[in-house]
Amino acid sequence: MQFVIIGLDGTDDEAPARRQAVRQDHIKRGDELLASGNLLYGAALLNDDGSMKGSMYVMSFPNEEELNEYLKTEPYVIGDVWKDITVHKSNTRDPWQFNRPEEWFKDHL
């Protein structure tokens, strides 16, 4: 089952510091999820000034229970970074069709 997760950071003055404090743990956890096949795609969500305001993940888990188990270990949840988390069930048909070689991104982004 696939899920789109939108995690929005807090808007208080300490929010950017909380994000930076656990960002490397979040990236490491993301790398583990990518290697296990649970993470299909991720992106930082940005404010108009380019600063980060949240995250978006497209993930795959056998069921919602396993998704919820992951969320209990997510550094941005544990670190009190994401204050507003929305989870949508989704279905990306043929997700491999979006895979492109790294060179393509260098030419198009």
PDB file of N, CA and C in Angstrom:
ATOM      1  N   MET A   1       0.846  -1.160   0.000  1.00  0.00           N
ATOM      2  CA  MET A   1       0.000   0.000   0.000  1.00  0.00           C
ATOM      3  C   MET A   1       0.901   1.236   0.000  1.00  0.00           C
ATOM      4  N   GLN A   2       0.522   2.202  -0.791  1.00  0.00           N
ATOM      5  CA  GLN A   2       1.326   3.421  -0.872  1.00  0.00           C
ATOM      6  C   GLN A   2       0.665   4.553  -0.101  1.00  0.00           C
ATOM      7  N   PHE A   3       1.521   5.446   0.385  1.00  0.00           N
ATOM      8  CA  PHE A   3       1.063   6.574   1.191  1.00  0.00           C
ATOM      9  C   PHE A   3       1.841   7.823   0.796  1.00  0.00           C
ATOM     10  N   VAL A   4       1.164   8.958   0.791  1.00  0.00           N
ATOM     11  CA  VAL A   4       1.819  10.262   0.684  1.00  0.00           C
ATOM     12  C   VAL A   4       1.751  10.882   2.061  1.00  0.00           C
ATOM     13  N   ILE A   5       2.904  11.245   2.584  1.00  0.00           N
ATOM     14  CA  ILE A   5       2.993  11.861   3.906  1.00  0.00           C
ATOM     15  C   ILE A   5       3.450  13.297   3.734  1.00  0.00           C
ATOM     16  N   ILE A   6       2.671  14.217   4.286  1.00  0.00           N
ATOM     17  CA  ILE A   6       3.046  15.629   4.310  1.00  0.00           C
ATOM     18  C   ILE A   6       3.263  15.983   5.771  1.00  0.00           C
ATOM     19  N   GLY A   7       4.494  16.338   6.109  1.00  0.00           N
ATOM     20  CA  GLY A   7       4.825  16.758   7.471  1.00  0.00           C
ATOM     21  C   GLY A   7       5.211  18.218   7.456  1.00  0.00           C
ATOM     22  N   LEU A   8       4.413  19.056   8.100  1.00  0.00           N
ATOM     23  CA  LEU A   8       4.711  20.486   8.163  1.00  0.00           C
ATOM     24  C   LEU A   8       5.339  20.827   9.503  1.00  0.00           C
ATOM     25  N   ASP A   9       6.415  21.596   9.444  1.00  0.00           N
ATOM     26  CA  ASP A   9       7.144  21.997  10.638  1.00  0.00           C
ATOM     27  C   ASP A   9       6.330  22.983  11.469  1.00  0.00           C
ATOM     28  N   GLY A  10       6.726  23.097  12.718  1.00  0.00           N
ATOM     29  CA  GLY A  10       6.164  24.142  13.563  1.00  0.00           C
ATOM     30  C   GLY A  10       6.567  25.506  13.020  1.00  0.00           C
ATOM     31  N   THR A  11       5.874  26.529  13.427  1.00  0.00           N
ATOM     32  CA  THR A  11       6.156  27.887  12.952  1.00  0.00           C
ATOM     33  C   THR A  11       6.737  28.777  14.049  1.00  0.00           C
ATOM     34  N   ASP A  12       7.026  28.183  15.202  1.00  0.00           N
ATOM     35  CA  ASP A  12       7.612  28.942  16.300  1.00  0.00           C
ATOM     36  C   ASP A  12       9.075  29.271  15.998  1.00  0.00           C
ATOM     37  N   ASP A  13       9.650  30.162  16.763  1.00  0.00           N
ATOM     38  CA  ASP A  13      11.025  30.620  16.527  1.00  0.00           C
ATOM     39  C   ASP A  13      12.055  29.502  16.634  1.00  0.00           C
ATOM     40  N   GLU A  14      11.780  28.470  17.432  1.00  0.00           N
ATOM     41  CA  GLU A  14      12.732  27.374  17.630  1.00  0.00           C
ATOM     42  C   GLU A  14      12.610  26.271  16.570  1.00  0.00           C
ATOM     43  N   ALA A  15      11.602  26.350  15.714  1.00  0.00           N
ATOM     44  CA  ALA A  15      11.353  25.288  14.730  1.00  0.00           C
ATOM     45  C   ALA A  15      12.555  25.010  13.817  1.00  0.00           C
ATOM     46  N   PRO A  16      13.201  26.031  13.237  1.00  0.00           N
ATOM     47  CA  PRO A  16      14.353  25.734  12.378  1.00  0.00           C
ATOM     48  C   PRO A  16      15.492  25.024  13.122  1.00  0.00           C
ATOM     49  N   ALA A  17      15.706  25.385  14.362  1.00  0.00           N
ATOM     50  CA  ALA A  17      16.772  24.744  15.147  1.00  0.00           C
ATOM     51  C   ALA A  17      16.430  23.279  15.436  1.00  0.00           C
ATOM     52  N   ARG A  18      15.156  22.996  15.735  1.00  0.00           N
ATOM     53  CA  ARG A  18      14.756  21.601  15.955  1.00  0.00           C
ATOM     54  C   ARG A  18      14.976  20.778  14.689  1.00  0.00           C
ATOM     55  N   ARG A  19      14.636  21.349  13.526  1.00  0.00           N
ATOM     56  CA  ARG A  19      14.837  20.638  12.261  1.00  0.00           C
ATOM     57  C   ARG A  19      16.322  20.348  12.057  1.00  0.00           C
ATOM     58  N   GLN A  20      17.160  21.339  12.234  1.00  0.00           N
ATOM     59  CA  GLN A  20      18.591  21.148  12.006  1.00  0.00           C
ATOM     60  C   GLN A  20      19.201  20.162  12.994  1.00  0.00           C
ATOM     61  N   ALA A  21      18.669  20.125  14.209  1.00  0.00           N
ATOM     62  CA  ALA A  21      19.222  19.238  15.234  1.00  0.00           C
ATOM     63  C   ALA A  21      19.065  17.764  14.868  1.00  0.00           C
ATOM     64  N   VAL A  22      18.012  17.405  14.133  1.00  0.00           N
ATOM     65  CA  VAL A  22      17.773  15.994  13.809  1.00  0.00           C
ATOM     66  C   VAL A  22      17.810  15.722  12.300  1.00  0.00           C
ATOM     67  N   ARG A  23      18.175  16.712  11.520  1.00  0.00           N
ATOM     68  CA  ARG A  23      18.139  16.560  10.053  1.00  0.00           C
ATOM     69  C   ARG A  23      19.011  15.402   9.569  1.00  0.00           C
ATOM     70  N   GLN A  24      20.209  15.264  10.086  1.00  0.00           N
ATOM     71  CA  GLN A  24      21.082  14.173   9.641  1.00  0.00           C
ATOM     72  C   GLN A  24      20.493  12.816   9.996  1.00  0.00           C
ATOM     73  N   ASP A  25      19.848  12.710  11.147  1.00  0.00           N
ATOM     74  CA  ASP A  25      19.177  11.456  11.515  1.00  0.00           C
ATOM     75  C   ASP A  25      18.012  11.166  10.570  1.00  0.00           C
ATOM     76  N   HIS A  26      17.279  12.217  10.193  1.00  0.00           N
ATOM     77  CA  HIS A  26      16.173  12.074   9.240  1.00  0.00           C
ATOM     78  C   HIS A  26      16.688  11.592   7.884  1.00  0.00           C
ATOM     79  N   ILE A  27      17.781  12.170   7.422  1.00  0.00           N
ATOM     80  CA  ILE A  27      18.366  11.768   6.133  1.00  0.00           C
ATOM     81  C   ILE A  27      18.864  10.326   6.201  1.00  0.00           C
ATOM     82  N   LYS A  28      19.527   9.977   7.306  1.00  0.00           N
ATOM     83  CA  LYS A  28      20.003   8.594   7.472  1.00  0.00           C
ATOM     84  C   LYS A  28      18.832   7.623   7.466  1.00  0.00           C
ATOM     85  N   ARG A  29      17.774   7.952   8.185  1.00  0.00           N
ATOM     86  CA  ARG A  29      16.584   7.091   8.218  1.00  0.00           C
ATOM     87  C   ARG A  29      15.978   7.002   6.824  1.00  0.00           C
ATOM     88  N   GLY A  30      15.959   8.106   6.096  1.00  0.00           N
ATOM     89  CA  GLY A  30      15.459   8.099   4.723  1.00  0.00           C
ATOM     90  C   GLY A  30      16.276   7.192   3.823  1.00  0.00           C
ATOM     91  N   ASP A  31      17.599   7.205   3.990  1.00  0.00           N
ATOM     92  CA  ASP A  31      18.464   6.315   3.207  1.00  0.00           C
ATOM     93  C   ASP A  31      18.148   4.848   3.505  1.00  0.00           C
ATOM     94  N   GLU A  32      17.892   4.542   4.775  1.00  0.00           N
ATOM     95  CA  GLU A  32      17.525   3.169   5.155  1.00  0.00           C
ATOM     96  C   GLU A  32      16.190   2.768   4.524  1.00  0.00           C
ATOM     97  N   LEU A  33      15.236   3.678   4.531  1.00  0.00           N
ATOM     98  CA  LEU A  33      13.922   3.403   3.946  1.00  0.00           C
ATOM     99  C   LEU A  33      14.013   3.252   2.432  1.00  0.00           C
ATOM    100  N   LEU A  34      14.887   4.011   1.814  1.00  0.00           N
ATOM    101  CA  LEU A  34      15.110   3.892   0.374  1.00  0.00           C
ATOM    102  C   LEU A  34      15.692   2.514   0.054  1.00  0.00           C
ATOM    103  N   ALA A  35      16.681   2.102   0.834  1.00  0.00           N
ATOM    104  CA  ALA A  35      17.327   0.803   0.614  1.00  0.00           C
ATOM    105  C   ALA A  35      16.361  -0.360   0.840  1.00  0.00           C
ATOM    106  N   SER A  36      15.436  -0.204   1.784  1.00  0.00           N
ATOM    107  CA  SER A  36      14.481  -1.281   2.065  1.00  0.00           C
ATOM    108  C   SER A  36      13.307  -1.292   1.084  1.00  0.00           C
ATOM    109  N   GLY A  37      13.199  -0.258   0.262  1.00  0.00           N
ATOM    110  CA  GLY A  37      12.099  -0.176  -0.696  1.00  0.00           C
ATOM    111  C   GLY A  37      10.861   0.500  -0.154  1.00  0.00           C
ATOM    112  N   ASN A  38      10.911   1.009   1.075  1.00  0.00           N
ATOM    113  CA  ASN A  38       9.749   1.678   1.650  1.00  0.00           C
ATOM    114  C   ASN A  38       9.594   3.117   1.174  1.00  0.00           C
ATOM    115  N   LEU A  39      10.704   3.773   0.870  1.00  0.00           N
ATOM    116  CA  LEU A  39      10.657   5.160   0.422  1.00  0.00           C
ATOM    117  C   LEU A  39      10.773   5.190  -1.096  1.00  0.00           C
ATOM    118  N   LEU A  40       9.737   5.715  -1.753  1.00  0.00           N
ATOM    119  CA  LEU A  40       9.745   5.828  -3.206  1.00  0.00           C
ATOM    120  C   LEU A  40      10.253   7.192  -3.651  1.00  0.00           C
ATOM    121  N   TYR A  41       9.909   8.226  -2.882  1.00  0.00           N
ATOM    122  CA  TYR A  41      10.281   9.587  -3.267  1.00  0.00           C
ATOM    123  C   TYR A  41      10.141  10.490  -2.059  1.00  0.00           C
ATOM    124  N   GLY A  42      11.009  11.471  -1.951  1.00  0.00           N
ATOM    125  CA  GLY A  42      10.909  12.446  -0.875  1.00  0.00           C
ATOM    126  C   GLY A  42      11.344  13.808  -1.346  1.00  0.00           C
ATOM    127  N   ALA A  43      10.841  14.838  -0.694  1.00  0.00           N
ATOM    128  CA  ALA A  43      11.214  16.208  -1.041  1.00  0.00           C
ATOM    129  C   ALA A  43      11.032  17.107   0.173  1.00  0.00           C
ATOM    130  N   ALA A  44      11.878  18.131   0.260  1.00  0.00           N
ATOM    131  CA  ALA A  44      11.682  19.178   1.264  1.00  0.00           C
ATOM    132  C   ALA A  44      10.644  20.149   0.719  1.00  0.00           C
ATOM    133  N   LEU A  45       9.781  20.624   1.585  1.00  0.00           N
ATOM    134  CA  LEU A  45       8.819  21.659   1.226  1.00  0.00           C
ATOM    135  C   LEU A  45       9.400  22.990   1.669  1.00  0.00           C
ATOM    136  N   LEU A  46       9.302  23.998   0.801  1.00  0.00           N
ATOM    137  CA  LEU A  46       9.997  25.260   1.035  1.00  0.00           C
ATOM    138  C   LEU A  46       9.054  26.443   1.204  1.00  0.00           C
ATOM    139  N   ASN A  47       9.502  27.384   2.015  1.00  0.00           N
ATOM    140  CA  ASN A  47       8.863  28.697   2.093  1.00  0.00           C
ATOM    141  C   ASN A  47       9.288  29.519   0.885  1.00  0.00           C
ATOM    142  N   ASP A  48       8.660  30.666   0.699  1.00  0.00           N
ATOM    143  CA  ASP A  48       9.002  31.539  -0.429  1.00  0.00           C
ATOM    144  C   ASP A  48      10.465  31.973  -0.408  1.00  0.00           C
ATOM    145  N   ASP A  49      11.061  32.073   0.778  1.00  0.00           N
ATOM    146  CA  ASP A  49      12.459  32.495   0.883  1.00  0.00           C
ATOM    147  C   ASP A  49      13.443  31.334   0.721  1.00  0.00           C
ATOM    148  N   GLY A  50      12.922  30.127   0.457  1.00  0.00           N
ATOM    149  CA  GLY A  50      13.784  28.969   0.248  1.00  0.00           C
ATOM    150  C   GLY A  50      14.075  28.168   1.502  1.00  0.00           C
ATOM    151  N   SER A  51      13.657  28.647   2.656  1.00  0.00           N
ATOM    152  CA  SER A  51      13.863  27.895   3.894  1.00  0.00           C
ATOM    153  C   SER A  51      12.873  26.731   3.940  1.00  0.00           C
ATOM    154  N   MET A  52      13.257  25.675   4.663  1.00  0.00           N
ATOM    155  CA  MET A  52      12.418  24.481   4.729  1.00  0.00           C
ATOM    156  C   MET A  52      11.265  24.683   5.703  1.00  0.00           C
ATOM    157  N   LYS A  53      10.090  24.231   5.267  1.00  0.00           N
ATOM    158  CA  LYS A  53       8.905  24.327   6.122  1.00  0.00           C
ATOM    159  C   LYS A  53       8.242  22.974   6.354  1.00  0.00           C
ATOM    160  N   GLY A  54       8.777  21.932   5.728  1.00  0.00           N
ATOM    161  CA  GLY A  54       8.183  20.623   5.900  1.00  0.00           C
ATOM    162  C   GLY A  54       8.789  19.616   4.949  1.00  0.00           C
ATOM    163  N   SER A  55       8.143  18.455   4.871  1.00  0.00           N
ATOM    164  CA  SER A  55       8.643  17.354   4.054  1.00  0.00           C
ATOM    165  C   SER A  55       7.481  16.633   3.398  1.00  0.00           C
ATOM    166  N   MET A  56       7.782  15.981   2.276  1.00  0.00           N
ATOM    167  CA  MET A  56       6.820  15.150   1.580  1.00  0.00           C
ATOM    168  C   MET A  56       7.498  13.837   1.252  1.00  0.00           C
ATOM    169  N   TYR A  57       6.847  12.736   1.593  1.00  0.00           N
ATOM    170  CA  TYR A  57       7.345  11.391   1.293  1.00  0.00           C
ATOM    171  C   TYR A  57       6.258  10.620   0.551  1.00  0.00           C
ATOM    172  N   VAL A  58       6.642   9.885  -0.465  1.00  0.00           N
ATOM    173  CA  VAL A  58       5.793   8.859  -1.054  1.00  0.00           C
ATOM    174  C   VAL A  58       6.395   7.539  -0.602  1.00  0.00           C
ATOM    175  N   MET A  59       5.607   6.753   0.135  1.00  0.00           N
ATOM    176  CA  MET A  59       6.134   5.558   0.781  1.00  0.00           C
ATOM    177  C   MET A  59       5.276   4.347   0.470  1.00  0.00           C
ATOM    178  N   SER A  60       5.867   3.173   0.650  1.00  0.00           N
ATOM    179  CA  SER A  60       5.156   1.924   0.449  1.00  0.00           C
ATOM    180  C   SER A  60       5.381   1.025   1.661  1.00  0.00           C
ATOM    181  N   PHE A  61       4.284   0.582   2.254  1.00  0.00           N
ATOM    182  CA  PHE A  61       4.307  -0.363   3.361  1.00  0.00           C
ATOM    183  C   PHE A  61       3.214  -1.394   3.122  1.00  0.00           C
ATOM    184  N   PRO A  62       3.360  -2.578   3.658  1.00  0.00           N
ATOM    185  CA  PRO A  62       2.322  -3.592   3.470  1.00  0.00           C
ATOM    186  C   PRO A  62       0.956  -3.180   4.023  1.00  0.00           C
ATOM    187  N   ASN A  63       0.966  -2.322   5.056  1.00  0.00           N
ATOM    188  CA  ASN A  63      -0.295  -1.928   5.684  1.00  0.00           C
ATOM    189  C   ASN A  63      -0.075  -0.661   6.516  1.00  0.00           C
ATOM    190  N   GLU A  64      -1.164  -0.110   7.016  1.00  0.00           N
ATOM    191  CA  GLU A  64      -1.085   1.117   7.805  1.00  0.00           C
ATOM    192  C   GLU A  64      -0.367   0.913   9.127  1.00  0.00           C
ATOM    193  N   GLU A  65      -0.456  -0.278   9.680  1.00  0.00           N
ATOM    194  CA  GLU A  65       0.217  -0.546  10.947  1.00  0.00           C
ATOM    195  C   GLU A  65       1.730  -0.369  10.808  1.00  0.00           C
ATOM    196  N   GLU A  66       2.281  -0.871   9.703  1.00  0.00           N
ATOM    197  CA  GLU A  66       3.729  -0.712   9.501  1.00  0.00           C
ATOM    198  C   GLU A  66       4.094   0.737   9.218  1.00  0.00           C
ATOM    199  N   LEU A  67       3.235   1.462   8.524  1.00  0.00           N
ATOM    200  CA  LEU A  67       3.452   2.899   8.341  1.00  0.00           C
ATOM    201  C   LEU A  67       3.502   3.579   9.704  1.00  0.00           C
ATOM    202  N   ASN A  68       2.558   3.266  10.562  1.00  0.00           N
ATOM    203  CA  ASN A  68       2.517   3.886  11.892  1.00  0.00           C
ATOM    204  C   ASN A  68       3.725   3.509  12.732  1.00  0.00           C
ATOM    205  N   GLU A  69       4.228   2.287  12.583  1.00  0.00           N
ATOM    206  CA  GLU A  69       5.452   1.893  13.279  1.00  0.00           C
ATOM    207  C   GLU A  69       6.637   2.736  12.798  1.00  0.00           C
ATOM    208  N   TYR A  70       6.718   2.970  11.487  1.00  0.00           N
ATOM    209  CA  TYR A  70       7.772   3.844  10.960  1.00  0.00           C
ATOM    210  C   TYR A  70       7.647   5.243  11.571  1.00  0.00           C
ATOM    211  N   LEU A  71       6.437   5.788  11.582  1.00  0.00           N
ATOM    212  CA  LEU A  71       6.262   7.148  12.087  1.00  0.00           C
ATOM    213  C   LEU A  71       6.731   7.278  13.533  1.00  0.00           C
ATOM    214  N   LYS A  72       6.627   6.217  14.309  1.00  0.00           N
ATOM    215  CA  LYS A  72       7.094   6.241  15.698  1.00  0.00           C
ATOM    216  C   LYS A  72       8.613   6.369  15.785  1.00  0.00           C
ATOM    217  N   THR A  73       9.316   6.057  14.687  1.00  0.00           N
ATOM    218  CA  THR A  73      10.784   6.121  14.667  1.00  0.00           C
ATOM    219  C   THR A  73      11.315   7.291  13.841  1.00  0.00           C
ATOM    220  N   GLU A  74      10.433   8.019  13.173  1.00  0.00           N
ATOM    221  CA  GLU A  74      10.864   9.112  12.297  1.00  0.00           C
ATOM    222  C   GLU A  74      11.473  10.241  13.134  1.00  0.00           C
ATOM    223  N   PRO A  75      12.742  10.612  12.861  1.00  0.00           N
ATOM    224  CA  PRO A  75      13.397  11.660  13.646  1.00  0.00           C
ATOM    225  C   PRO A  75      12.648  12.990  13.676  1.00  0.00           C
ATOM    226  N   TYR A  76      11.942  13.336  12.605  1.00  0.00           N
ATOM    227  CA  TYR A  76      11.200  14.603  12.619  1.00  0.00           C
ATOM    228  C   TYR A  76       9.947  14.516  13.491  1.00  0.00           C
ATOM    229  N   VAL A  77       9.461  13.316  13.756  1.00  0.00           N
ATOM    230  CA  VAL A  77       8.354  13.147  14.705  1.00  0.00           C
ATOM    231  C   VAL A  77       8.918  13.149  16.122  1.00  0.00           C
ATOM    232  N   ILE A  78       9.929  12.311  16.361  1.00  0.00           N
ATOM    233  CA  ILE A  78      10.551  12.219  17.686  1.00  0.00           C
ATOM    234  C   ILE A  78      11.144  13.563  18.107  1.00  0.00           C
ATOM    235  N   GLY A  79      11.743  14.266  17.151  1.00  0.00           N
ATOM    236  CA  GLY A  79      12.388  15.549  17.435  1.00  0.00           C
ATOM    237  C   GLY A  79      11.442  16.731  17.469  1.00  0.00           C
ATOM    238  N   ASP A  80      10.133  16.473  17.388  1.00  0.00           N
ATOM    239  CA  ASP A  80       9.128  17.527  17.502  1.00  0.00           C
ATOM    240  C   ASP A  80       9.266  18.578  16.392  1.00  0.00           C
ATOM    241  N   VAL A  81       9.687  18.128  15.203  1.00  0.00           N
ATOM    242  CA  VAL A  81       9.826  19.029  14.054  1.00  0.00           C
ATOM    243  C   VAL A  81       8.496  19.150  13.332  1.00  0.00           C
ATOM    244  N   TRP A  82       7.953  18.001  12.901  1.00  0.00           N
ATOM    245  CA  TRP A  82       6.664  18.019  12.210  1.00  0.00           C
ATOM    246  C   TRP A  82       5.561  18.249  13.232  1.00  0.00           C
ATOM    247  N   LYS A  83       4.842  19.331  13.086  1.00  0.00           N
ATOM    248  CA  LYS A  83       3.730  19.648  13.986  1.00  0.00           C
ATOM    249  C   LYS A  83       2.385  19.285  13.372  1.00  0.00           C
ATOM    250  N   ASP A  84       2.344  19.159  12.055  1.00  0.00           N
ATOM    251  CA  ASP A  84       1.109  18.836  11.345  1.00  0.00           C
ATOM    252  C   ASP A  84       1.437  17.738  10.337  1.00  0.00           C
ATOM    253  N   ILE A  85       0.942  16.539  10.567  1.00  0.00           N
ATOM    254  CA  ILE A  85       1.237  15.398   9.704  1.00  0.00           C
ATOM    255  C   ILE A  85      -0.064  14.927   9.065  1.00  0.00           C
ATOM    256  N   THR A  86      -0.058  14.880   7.736  1.00  0.00           N
ATOM    257  CA  THR A  86      -1.200  14.379   6.990  1.00  0.00           C
ATOM    258  C   THR A  86      -0.743  13.172   6.188  1.00  0.00           C
ATOM    259  N   VAL A  87      -1.504  12.090   6.266  1.00  0.00           N
ATOM    260  CA  VAL A  87      -1.198  10.874   5.527  1.00  0.00           C
ATOM    261  C   VAL A  87      -2.357  10.593   4.576  1.00  0.00           C
ATOM    262  N   HIS A  88      -2.016  10.396   3.311  1.00  0.00           N
ATOM    263  CA  HIS A  88      -3.010  10.048   2.297  1.00  0.00           C
ATOM    264  C   HIS A  88      -2.642   8.693   1.715  1.00  0.00           C
ATOM    265  N   LYS A  89      -3.610   7.800   1.613  1.00  0.00           N
ATOM    266  CA  LYS A  89      -3.383   6.576   0.850  1.00  0.00           C
ATOM    267  C   LYS A  89      -3.269   6.982  -0.608  1.00  0.00           C
ATOM    268  N   SER A  90      -2.392   6.294  -1.335  1.00  0.00           N
ATOM    269  CA  SER A  90      -2.203   6.648  -2.743  1.00  0.00           C
ATOM    270  C   SER A  90      -1.923   5.393  -3.556  1.00  0.00           C
ATOM    271  N   ASN A  91      -1.872   5.571  -4.844  1.00  0.00           N
ATOM    272  CA  ASN A  91      -1.572   4.467  -5.739  1.00  0.00           C
ATOM    273  C   ASN A  91      -0.857   5.024  -6.964  1.00  0.00           C
ATOM    274  N   THR A  92       0.434   4.860  -6.984  1.00  0.00           N
ATOM    275  CA  THR A  92       1.223   5.267  -8.134  1.00  0.00           C
ATOM    276  C   THR A  92       1.302   4.080  -9.079  1.00  0.00           C
ATOM    277  N   ARG A  93       0.631   4.197 -10.194  1.00  0.00           N
ATOM    278  CA  ARG A  93       0.650   3.120 -11.182  1.00  0.00           C
ATOM    279  C   ARG A  93       2.033   3.067 -11.808  1.00  0.00           C
ATOM    280  N   ASP A  94       2.600   1.904 -11.872  1.00  0.00           N
ATOM    281  CA  ASP A  94       3.906   1.695 -12.495  1.00  0.00           C
ATOM    282  C   ASP A  94       4.933   2.726 -12.013  1.00  0.00           C
ATOM    283  N   PRO A  95       5.253   2.753 -10.707  1.00  0.00           N
ATOM    284  CA  PRO A  95       6.145   3.799 -10.195  1.00  0.00           C
ATOM    285  C   PRO A  95       7.512   3.806 -10.862  1.00  0.00           C
ATOM    286  N   TRP A  96       7.951   2.681 -11.408  1.00  0.00           N
ATOM    287  CA  TRP A  96       9.257   2.631 -12.058  1.00  0.00           C
ATOM    288  C   TRP A  96       9.304   3.505 -13.302  1.00  0.00           C
ATOM    289  N   GLN A  97       8.156   3.876 -13.864  1.00  0.00           N
ATOM    290  CA  GLN A  97       8.164   4.712 -15.055  1.00  0.00           C
ATOM    291  C   GLN A  97       8.759   6.093 -14.783  1.00  0.00           C
ATOM    292  N   PHE A  98       8.830   6.483 -13.509  1.00  0.00           N
ATOM    293  CA  PHE A  98       9.356   7.794 -13.168  1.00  0.00           C
ATOM    294  C   PHE A  98      10.847   7.770 -12.853  1.00  0.00           C
ATOM    295  N   ASN A  99      11.435   6.592 -12.817  1.00  0.00           N
ATOM    296  CA  ASN A  99      12.862   6.492 -12.550  1.00  0.00           C
ATOM    297  C   ASN A  99      13.635   6.962 -13.776  1.00  0.00           C
ATOM    298  N   ARG A 100      14.574   7.822 -13.557  1.00  0.00           N
ATOM    299  CA  ARG A 100      15.420   8.352 -14.622  1.00  0.00           C
ATOM    300  C   ARG A 100      16.863   8.323 -14.146  1.00  0.00           C
ATOM    301  N   PRO A 101      17.779   8.251 -15.068  1.00  0.00           N
ATOM    302  CA  PRO A 101      19.188   8.280 -14.651  1.00  0.00           C
ATOM    303  C   PRO A 101      19.554   9.648 -14.078  1.00  0.00           C
ATOM    304  N   GLU A 102      20.549   9.662 -13.221  1.00  0.00           N
ATOM    305  CA  GLU A 102      20.996  10.896 -12.575  1.00  0.00           C
ATOM    306  C   GLU A 102      21.312  11.986 -13.597  1.00  0.00           C
ATOM    307  N   GLU A 103      21.873  11.616 -14.722  1.00  0.00           N
ATOM    308  CA  GLU A 103      22.233  12.590 -15.745  1.00  0.00           C
ATOM    309  C   GLU A 103      21.017  13.380 -16.230  1.00  0.00           C
ATOM    310  N   TRP A 104      19.864  12.716 -16.308  1.00  0.00           N
ATOM    311  CA  TRP A 104      18.655  13.405 -16.761  1.00  0.00           C
ATOM    312  C   TRP A 104      18.339  14.579 -15.845  1.00  0.00           C
ATOM    313  N   PHE A 105      18.464  14.374 -14.539  1.00  0.00           N
ATOM    314  CA  PHE A 105      18.158  15.423 -13.583  1.00  0.00           C
ATOM    315  C   PHE A 105      19.148  16.570 -13.698  1.00  0.00           C
ATOM    316  N   LYS A 106      20.393  16.286 -13.967  1.00  0.00           N
ATOM    317  CA  LYS A 106      21.387  17.344 -14.123  1.00  0.00           C
ATOM    318  C   LYS A 106      21.053  18.239 -15.308  1.00  0.00           C
ATOM    319  N   ASP A 107      20.435  17.666 -16.318  1.00  0.00           N
ATOM    320  CA  ASP A 107      20.093  18.427 -17.518  1.00  0.00           C
ATOM    321  C   ASP A 107      18.745  19.138 -17.418  1.00  0.00           C
ATOM    322  N   HIS A 108      17.877  18.688 -16.525  1.00  0.00           N
ATOM    323  CA  HIS A 108      16.507  19.190 -16.509  1.00  0.00           C
ATOM    324  C   HIS A 108      16.107  19.953 -15.250  1.00  0.00           C
ATOM    325  N   LEU A 109      16.924  19.947 -14.217  1.00  0.00           N
ATOM    326  CA  LEU A 109      16.548  20.674 -13.008  1.00  0.00           C
ATOM    327  C   LEU A 109      17.402  21.906 -12.812  1.00  0.00           C
TER     328      LEU A 109
END
